[in-house]
Amino acid sequence: MMRPLAPAAAAAEHSPKRHLPFVTALFAVVVDVLPLPSAAPTAVAPLFTVCVLFYWTLFEPALMSPLRTFLVGLLFDLFSGLPPGHSATAFLGPRLLLAPSQPSLRAQPFAVIWVCFAFAAALVELLRWTLSVAWWGTLFSPTPVLDELLLTIAVYPAISYLLSRVRARLPRPRYGDRV
């Protein structure tokens, strides 16, 4: 039988701050789907949503559940005009591969995490491209996908740093809070 939470742990468990990972992922979706304010509105841009989902999946998996990941992907699809489930499915791919190695990966130096992110982002892009080819029945050029992948990998350190600042604000149960 599970013992009740101490008041500090109960407060942390019900804090609105626990929704920050989901909110940051939704914000990333909005940033990703808004048109670029430039002379080239169809220019390739990084996928910030992939960066955010990877970060939270690695460092706070309990706060970015598979259901939340799927919902973020579904909203990404709906806002960007893609078939529902297209990106949602692709976003879940790396999560499934990352799950068994989360504790050991979190303890690695940032360079190792960044390389793992590069593989995860490549998987997302490959899944999205493959699903697009299958859905529309056209063999699209992979060049924009590769450009988007390289930009996404390049911005991950900055996004990771910003999210680490958000993560520092998340409520933490203290040792011994279960009574």
C-alpha atoms as a PDB file:
ATOM      1  CA  MET A   1       0.000   0.000   0.000  1.00  0.00           C
ATOM      2  CA  MET A   2       1.304   3.425  -0.961  1.00  0.00           C
ATOM      3  CA  ARG A   3       1.761   5.918   1.819  1.00  0.00           C
ATOM      4  CA  PRO A   4       0.279   9.419   1.474  1.00  0.00           C
ATOM      5  CA  LEU A   5       2.476  12.251   0.318  1.00  0.00           C
ATOM      6  CA  ALA A   6       3.826  14.779   2.764  1.00  0.00           C
ATOM      7  CA  PRO A   7       2.434  18.307   2.272  1.00  0.00           C
ATOM      8  CA  ALA A   8       5.505  19.545   0.342  1.00  0.00           C
ATOM      9  CA  ALA A   9       5.406  16.557  -2.016  1.00  0.00           C
ATOM     10  CA  ALA A  10       1.652  16.881  -2.508  1.00  0.00           C
ATOM     11  CA  ALA A  11       2.069  20.563  -3.351  1.00  0.00           C
ATOM     12  CA  ALA A  12       4.821  19.729  -5.873  1.00  0.00           C
ATOM     13  CA  GLU A  13       2.660  17.033  -7.436  1.00  0.00           C
ATOM     14  CA  HIS A  14      -0.242  19.442  -8.026  1.00  0.00           C
ATOM     15  CA  SER A  15       1.762  22.521  -8.952  1.00  0.00           C
ATOM     16  CA  PRO A  16       0.823  24.239 -12.237  1.00  0.00           C
ATOM     17  CA  LYS A  17       4.554  24.347 -12.974  1.00  0.00           C
ATOM     18  CA  ARG A  18       4.387  20.607 -13.697  1.00  0.00           C
ATOM     19  CA  HIS A  19       2.718  21.556 -16.990  1.00  0.00           C
ATOM     20  CA  LEU A  20       5.680  23.663 -18.146  1.00  0.00           C
ATOM     21  CA  PRO A  21       7.140  20.896 -20.354  1.00  0.00           C
ATOM     22  CA  PHE A  22       3.826  20.508 -22.195  1.00  0.00           C
ATOM     23  CA  VAL A  23       3.393  24.283 -22.468  1.00  0.00           C
ATOM     24  CA  THR A  24       6.914  24.721 -23.864  1.00  0.00           C
ATOM     25  CA  ALA A  25       6.200  21.984 -26.415  1.00  0.00           C
ATOM     26  CA  LEU A  26       2.989  23.750 -27.465  1.00  0.00           C
ATOM     27  CA  PHE A  27       4.920  27.012 -27.757  1.00  0.00           C
ATOM     28  CA  ALA A  28       7.468  25.243 -29.977  1.00  0.00           C
ATOM     29  CA  VAL A  29       4.633  24.024 -32.214  1.00  0.00           C
ATOM     30  CA  VAL A  30       3.386  27.584 -32.609  1.00  0.00           C
ATOM     31  CA  VAL A  31       6.892  28.830 -33.434  1.00  0.00           C
ATOM     32  CA  ASP A  32       7.348  26.004 -35.952  1.00  0.00           C
ATOM     33  CA  VAL A  33       4.101  26.579 -37.832  1.00  0.00           C
ATOM     34  CA  LEU A  34       4.085  30.370 -37.929  1.00  0.00           C
ATOM     35  CA  PRO A  35       5.240  31.748 -41.268  1.00  0.00           C
ATOM     36  CA  LEU A  36       8.723  33.188 -41.273  1.00  0.00           C
ATOM     37  CA  PRO A  37       8.779  37.003 -41.299  1.00  0.00           C
ATOM     38  CA  SER A  38      11.180  37.222 -44.194  1.00  0.00           C
ATOM     39  CA  ALA A  39      11.408  37.643 -47.921  1.00  0.00           C
ATOM     40  CA  ALA A  40      11.465  33.839 -48.149  1.00  0.00           C
ATOM     41  CA  PRO A  41       8.494  32.612 -46.079  1.00  0.00           C
ATOM     42  CA  THR A  42       8.929  29.055 -47.354  1.00  0.00           C
ATOM     43  CA  ALA A  43      12.601  28.872 -46.356  1.00  0.00           C
ATOM     44  CA  VAL A  44      13.770  25.862 -44.406  1.00  0.00           C
ATOM     45  CA  ALA A  45      13.750  26.334 -40.632  1.00  0.00           C
ATOM     46  CA  PRO A  46      14.659  24.131 -37.682  1.00  0.00           C
ATOM     47  CA  LEU A  47      12.010  21.986 -36.015  1.00  0.00           C
ATOM     48  CA  PHE A  48      11.989  23.413 -32.502  1.00  0.00           C
ATOM     49  CA  THR A  49       9.291  20.941 -31.475  1.00  0.00           C
ATOM     50  CA  VAL A  50      11.693  18.030 -31.994  1.00  0.00           C
ATOM     51  CA  CYS A  51      14.273  19.745 -29.763  1.00  0.00           C
ATOM     52  CA  VAL A  52      11.736  20.378 -27.008  1.00  0.00           C
ATOM     53  CA  LEU A  53      10.226  16.888 -27.109  1.00  0.00           C
ATOM     54  CA  PHE A  54      13.651  15.234 -27.004  1.00  0.00           C
ATOM     55  CA  TYR A  55      14.770  17.371 -24.064  1.00  0.00           C
ATOM     56  CA  TRP A  56      11.680  16.716 -21.945  1.00  0.00           C
ATOM     57  CA  THR A  57      11.549  13.043 -22.891  1.00  0.00           C
ATOM     58  CA  LEU A  58      15.117  12.655 -21.685  1.00  0.00           C
ATOM     59  CA  PHE A  59      15.106  14.809 -18.559  1.00  0.00           C
ATOM     60  CA  GLU A  60      11.471  14.770 -17.364  1.00  0.00           C
ATOM     61  CA  PRO A  61       9.772  11.761 -18.982  1.00  0.00           C
ATOM     62  CA  ALA A  62       7.018  11.683 -16.357  1.00  0.00           C
ATOM     63  CA  LEU A  63       5.998  15.229 -17.321  1.00  0.00           C
ATOM     64  CA  MET A  64       6.113  14.587 -21.088  1.00  0.00           C
ATOM     65  CA  SER A  65       4.231  11.329 -21.402  1.00  0.00           C
ATOM     66  CA  PRO A  66       3.718   9.454 -24.680  1.00  0.00           C
ATOM     67  CA  LEU A  67       0.139  10.765 -24.721  1.00  0.00           C
ATOM     68  CA  ARG A  68       1.330  14.359 -24.383  1.00  0.00           C
ATOM     69  CA  THR A  69       3.962  13.740 -27.055  1.00  0.00           C
ATOM     70  CA  PHE A  70       1.278  12.396 -29.376  1.00  0.00           C
ATOM     71  CA  LEU A  71      -1.021  15.366 -28.632  1.00  0.00           C
ATOM     72  CA  VAL A  72       1.783  17.813 -29.414  1.00  0.00           C
ATOM     73  CA  GLY A  73       2.378  15.999 -32.702  1.00  0.00           C
ATOM     74  CA  LEU A  74      -1.328  15.973 -33.493  1.00  0.00           C
ATOM     75  CA  LEU A  75      -1.571  19.719 -32.912  1.00  0.00           C
ATOM     76  CA  PHE A  76       1.534  20.193 -35.060  1.00  0.00           C
ATOM     77  CA  ASP A  77      -0.199  18.248 -37.843  1.00  0.00           C
ATOM     78  CA  LEU A  78      -3.465  20.156 -37.533  1.00  0.00           C
ATOM     79  CA  PHE A  79      -1.797  23.583 -37.432  1.00  0.00           C
ATOM     80  CA  SER A  80       0.561  22.847 -40.323  1.00  0.00           C
ATOM     81  CA  GLY A  81      -2.012  21.221 -42.609  1.00  0.00           C
ATOM     82  CA  LEU A  82      -0.518  17.738 -42.472  1.00  0.00           C
ATOM     83  CA  PRO A  83      -2.643  14.601 -42.212  1.00  0.00           C
ATOM     84  CA  PRO A  84      -3.555  14.017 -38.543  1.00  0.00           C
ATOM     85  CA  GLY A  85      -1.116  11.579 -36.990  1.00  0.00           C
ATOM     86  CA  HIS A  86       1.679  12.248 -39.492  1.00  0.00           C
ATOM     87  CA  SER A  87       4.097  14.099 -37.196  1.00  0.00           C
ATOM     88  CA  ALA A  88       2.482  12.650 -34.081  1.00  0.00           C
ATOM     89  CA  THR A  89       3.631   9.193 -35.149  1.00  0.00           C
ATOM     90  CA  ALA A  90       7.098  10.427 -36.106  1.00  0.00           C
ATOM     91  CA  PHE A  91       7.535  12.214 -32.756  1.00  0.00           C
ATOM     92  CA  LEU A  92       6.833   8.979 -30.868  1.00  0.00           C
ATOM     93  CA  GLY A  93       9.558   7.023 -32.716  1.00  0.00           C
ATOM     94  CA  PRO A  94      12.581   8.434 -30.873  1.00  0.00           C
ATOM     95  CA  ARG A  95      10.706   8.309 -27.583  1.00  0.00           C
ATOM     96  CA  LEU A  96      10.286   4.566 -27.901  1.00  0.00           C
ATOM     97  CA  LEU A  97      13.976   4.115 -28.688  1.00  0.00           C
ATOM     98  CA  LEU A  98      15.086   6.515 -25.963  1.00  0.00           C
ATOM     99  CA  ALA A  99      13.040   4.998 -23.126  1.00  0.00           C
ATOM    100  CA  PRO A 100      15.365   2.113 -22.169  1.00  0.00           C
ATOM    101  CA  SER A 101      18.490   4.287 -22.063  1.00  0.00           C
ATOM    102  CA  GLN A 102      17.148   7.432 -20.366  1.00  0.00           C
ATOM    103  CA  PRO A 103      18.856   7.072 -16.977  1.00  0.00           C
ATOM    104  CA  SER A 104      22.273   6.272 -18.428  1.00  0.00           C
ATOM    105  CA  LEU A 105      22.001   8.895 -21.183  1.00  0.00           C
ATOM    106  CA  ARG A 106      21.103  11.665 -18.711  1.00  0.00           C
ATOM    107  CA  ALA A 107      24.420  11.059 -16.940  1.00  0.00           C
ATOM    108  CA  GLN A 108      26.470  11.503 -20.125  1.00  0.00           C
ATOM    109  CA  PRO A 109      28.344  14.658 -21.178  1.00  0.00           C
ATOM    110  CA  PHE A 110      26.396  17.093 -23.335  1.00  0.00           C
ATOM    111  CA  ALA A 111      28.319  16.109 -26.484  1.00  0.00           C
ATOM    112  CA  VAL A 112      27.014  12.523 -26.180  1.00  0.00           C
ATOM    113  CA  ILE A 113      23.466  13.771 -25.624  1.00  0.00           C
ATOM    114  CA  TRP A 114      23.802  16.035 -28.662  1.00  0.00           C
ATOM    115  CA  VAL A 115      24.924  13.131 -30.860  1.00  0.00           C
ATOM    116  CA  CYS A 116      21.992  11.059 -29.586  1.00  0.00           C
ATOM    117  CA  PHE A 117      19.716  13.989 -30.360  1.00  0.00           C
ATOM    118  CA  ALA A 118      21.123  14.101 -33.900  1.00  0.00           C
ATOM    119  CA  PHE A 119      20.166  10.443 -34.392  1.00  0.00           C
ATOM    120  CA  ALA A 120      16.718  11.002 -32.864  1.00  0.00           C
ATOM    121  CA  ALA A 121      16.088  14.073 -35.044  1.00  0.00           C
ATOM    122  CA  ALA A 122      17.246  12.125 -38.113  1.00  0.00           C
ATOM    123  CA  LEU A 123      14.762   9.388 -37.228  1.00  0.00           C
ATOM    124  CA  VAL A 124      11.944  11.934 -36.907  1.00  0.00           C
ATOM    125  CA  GLU A 125      12.810  13.524 -40.253  1.00  0.00           C
ATOM    126  CA  LEU A 126      13.114  10.131 -41.946  1.00  0.00           C
ATOM    127  CA  LEU A 127       9.737   9.022 -40.569  1.00  0.00           C
ATOM    128  CA  ARG A 128       8.070  12.299 -41.582  1.00  0.00           C
ATOM    129  CA  TRP A 129       9.569  12.130 -45.087  1.00  0.00           C
ATOM    130  CA  THR A 130       8.597   8.451 -45.506  1.00  0.00           C
ATOM    131  CA  LEU A 131       5.044   9.095 -44.298  1.00  0.00           C
ATOM    132  CA  SER A 132       4.775  12.076 -46.670  1.00  0.00           C
ATOM    133  CA  VAL A 133       5.959  10.017 -49.635  1.00  0.00           C
ATOM    134  CA  ALA A 134       3.488   7.256 -48.741  1.00  0.00           C
ATOM    135  CA  TRP A 135       0.578   9.663 -48.115  1.00  0.00           C
ATOM    136  CA  TRP A 136       0.941  11.769 -51.256  1.00  0.00           C
ATOM    137  CA  GLY A 137       2.394   9.043 -53.459  1.00  0.00           C
ATOM    138  CA  THR A 138       5.187  11.301 -54.688  1.00  0.00           C
ATOM    139  CA  LEU A 139       8.904  10.876 -54.197  1.00  0.00           C
ATOM    140  CA  PHE A 140       9.869  14.231 -52.684  1.00  0.00           C
ATOM    141  CA  SER A 141      13.415  15.550 -52.777  1.00  0.00           C
ATOM    142  CA  PRO A 142      15.156  14.822 -49.470  1.00  0.00           C
ATOM    143  CA  THR A 143      17.261  18.006 -49.716  1.00  0.00           C
ATOM    144  CA  PRO A 144      14.884  20.271 -47.725  1.00  0.00           C
ATOM    145  CA  VAL A 145      14.521  17.522 -45.133  1.00  0.00           C
ATOM    146  CA  LEU A 146      18.300  17.266 -44.754  1.00  0.00           C
ATOM    147  CA  ASP A 147      18.599  21.059 -44.496  1.00  0.00           C
ATOM    148  CA  GLU A 148      15.880  21.130 -41.836  1.00  0.00           C
ATOM    149  CA  LEU A 149      17.645  18.298 -39.977  1.00  0.00           C
ATOM    150  CA  LEU A 150      20.992  20.130 -39.970  1.00  0.00           C
ATOM    151  CA  LEU A 151      19.365  23.336 -38.703  1.00  0.00           C
ATOM    152  CA  THR A 152      17.502  21.406 -36.016  1.00  0.00           C
ATOM    153  CA  ILE A 153      20.708  19.735 -34.829  1.00  0.00           C
ATOM    154  CA  ALA A 154      22.494  23.096 -34.857  1.00  0.00           C
ATOM    155  CA  VAL A 155      19.921  24.843 -32.618  1.00  0.00           C
ATOM    156  CA  TYR A 156      19.596  22.018 -30.082  1.00  0.00           C
ATOM    157  CA  PRO A 157      22.315  23.316 -27.722  1.00  0.00           C
ATOM    158  CA  ALA A 158      20.589  26.701 -27.413  1.00  0.00           C
ATOM    159  CA  ILE A 159      17.145  25.136 -26.940  1.00  0.00           C
ATOM    160  CA  SER A 160      18.576  22.685 -24.412  1.00  0.00           C
ATOM    161  CA  TYR A 161      20.108  25.539 -22.441  1.00  0.00           C
ATOM    162  CA  LEU A 162      16.833  27.498 -22.400  1.00  0.00           C
ATOM    163  CA  LEU A 163      14.863  24.435 -21.338  1.00  0.00           C
ATOM    164  CA  SER A 164      17.362  23.691 -18.585  1.00  0.00           C
ATOM    165  CA  ARG A 165      16.478  27.117 -17.158  1.00  0.00           C
ATOM    166  CA  VAL A 166      12.781  26.184 -17.298  1.00  0.00           C
ATOM    167  CA  ARG A 167      13.536  22.792 -15.748  1.00  0.00           C
ATOM    168  CA  ALA A 168      15.224  24.501 -12.800  1.00  0.00           C
ATOM    169  CA  ARG A 169      11.842  26.075 -11.976  1.00  0.00           C
ATOM    170  CA  LEU A 170       9.985  22.765 -11.847  1.00  0.00           C
ATOM    171  CA  PRO A 171       8.865  21.674  -8.377  1.00  0.00           C
ATOM    172  CA  ARG A 172      10.994  18.903  -6.900  1.00  0.00           C
ATOM    173  CA  PRO A 173       9.856  16.582  -4.157  1.00  0.00           C
ATOM    174  CA  ARG A 174      12.435  16.562  -1.400  1.00  0.00           C
ATOM    175  CA  TYR A 175      14.092  13.430  -0.116  1.00  0.00           C
ATOM    176  CA  GLY A 176      11.856  11.753   2.429  1.00  0.00           C
ATOM    177  CA  ASP A 177       8.655  13.556   1.401  1.00  0.00           C
ATOM    178  CA  ARG A 178       6.664  10.319   1.421  1.00  0.00           C
ATOM    179  CA  VAL A 179       5.375   9.716   4.938  1.00  0.00           C
END
